[in-house]
Each structure stands twice: as structure tokens, then as C-alpha cells.
Amino acid sequence: MALGGPGAGETRDMSYEVRLRGSTVKDLRQLAPPQADLILVRILDLANDPKPRASTDLSGALHGLRRLRVGDYRVAYMIDESAKSIEVWKVSHRRDFYKRLDRQW
């Protein structure tokens, strides 16, 4: 999967390690390349800013996860402050994001 757009190929001082679950990679591969590239760039940006303005804490049964809004898509991820890592759980269109996430969480 290519990383196009601004910032592609830049070396960044990342304060958090970003890890994608296997299911997240599958989610990204099912999207059109321009959309997948944009989402991947936003995911990688979490390394420097794990709580951007476009994100929010989830509640209820999904407590412990955060949601990042990228256009019509949503990204579910968890921050581990002690390990300085971010694990991305799910990427899905907003219409079925919570249904799919409930099954996985």
C-alpha cells in the first residue's frame, strides 16, 4: 500500500509506537487506495499526537478505546501510556463502525 500525499517519506521523531492489528491491515486493503492512504497517514500521525481534535474517548462497553474521525471513516485505537504505544483495532465506514467494533471488542 503506497503512502501518497503530504509528508510521505518524511522521517519523524515518533513518541509513540503505532501498531496495526492484522484485521486493521485487512480493513485498509479493502478500501480504495486514495482513501486508505489518507487514513494510514492519519493513523501514523497518532504517533506524534495520540489525542488529536478529531478523536474522542469511547464509553460503555467500548471504554478504553478512542475513535478517530477521518472523513466518512472511523478508526478505533487504544493508547498504552506506559509502553508509549498505540494499537489500532478497527477501520470502518461510519455507518457500520460500531456494529463491527462491538463484534471485535
Foldseek 3Di string as FASTA:
>chain_A
DAQDDPPPPDDDDFQAAEAEDPVAVVQLVPDDVVLSNQVVVVSVCCRVPVADPQKDADDDPRGQWMWGDDPQKIWIWHADVVRRYIYTDHIDGNVCVVVVVVVVD
